Every structure is written in C-alpha cells, then in structure tokens.
C-alpha cells in the first residue's frame, strides 16, 4: 500500500497586530484625572497645613543659600527663555514641525495646550492666593500657585515630545527633563516661587498634555489618519 502525504488545510492568515495596553484615550483621561486630584491635594497640604507650609518655606530657604552672582545670572537667563514673546516663538516652531511632518491634528493639539496651560496657571493664581510662611528676608507673593514658569517649561517639553518622531523621543525627553529641572532650581534659588508652586506647574502642564493625548487618540480611532507608504 503506497503511502500518501496529507497536508493540513491552510488556515486563513491573521494580521499580526499587538494590542497595546493603555494606549486608548481612557488611559490618558485617567492621567488627567490623577493630575486634578494631585493638584487639589497639593494645594490643600501646602497652603492649609501649617507644618507643611513651614517645610515648604524651609526648602525654599535652603535653595536660596546656593545663590551667587554666576548662578543667579544663569538662572535669570533660563527664565528669560520663557518670557511671553519667546514662548510664543517656541510654540510656533513646534506647530511648524508638526505640520512639516504632516500631522495637522498634533499641530492643533499643541497650539491648544500651549495656550491653555499658561492661561490655567494665571487664572488659578489670584483665585488660590494664600500668604506664605516667611523665613528670614525671603518673601514670595501670595498669588504664586501654580508657577507660570514651571508650567511653561513643562508644557513646552511635553509638546516637543508630541511632535518629535518616535526614534528621537528618548533624546528629547532627557534634554527636556534637564531643562525643566534647571528652570525649577532657578526659580527656587532666585526665590521667585515656593517649591509647591513649582510642583503645581508640573501638574497643570501634565493635565493639559494628557487631555491632548486623549483627544488625539479618540480622533485617530474615529478618523484613522492616512499612512504614507
């Protein structure tokens, strides 16, 4: 009896797709919600709890001990990079990069969060103004939470990550973190803000960036973008 070769029926090919956990709009909205909760908690602890108010002032005082003409000069230069005119120019450059990469949705999102994050900060300052504990001659005005400079620095870096190609994001992230930290330390050494003000600025910027990511993911699901060959 001759042997016969049997072949299994061919199975239909399936697209090799990997489900990316946490890549939908809900995960980004969760980050935004966490930022809102953290902002409320931070303000209550830093502004209404006497022990933490004192600690906030003490940390600021310790940073001001690092002041020197050279350090103050570098810090002032970094903060001037975030003045309104230059901030607008940085924003225009980021929007131009997104458009050059044929990502109009990202361009719109970046333009929106670069406007809304600073606006949120400036709106909250007078509403949440509260006297700070003063140590020595160091004085920070009551309407200081959250920090506009830390908000501006953080939202610029997060916007840069949105418009940057994936392969370059690690480099941009490292440079961005160093820039934000340098701006933050400068604010404290120069006694422009309390440490809690700086943290509040981080949260405001992250809140708007997370909302932008959620909107972009929702739009991409509803209207998938055309992919170039």
Foldseek 3Di string as FASTA:
>chain_A
DDDDDDDDDDDDDDDPDDDDPLQALVSLVVLLVVLVVVLVVLLCCCFPPVVNLVVLQVVLVVLLVPDDVVLLVVLVVLLVCQPPVNLVVLLVVLLVLQVVVVNNLLSVLLVVLSVPLLVVLVVVQVVSFHAGDHDDPQGEGRSQAAPSSLLSLQLSLLSNLSSDPPVCNVVSVVVSVVSSVSNLSSCSNVSHHTNSNNVRSNSSSSSSSSNSSSVVNVCCVVPPDDDDD
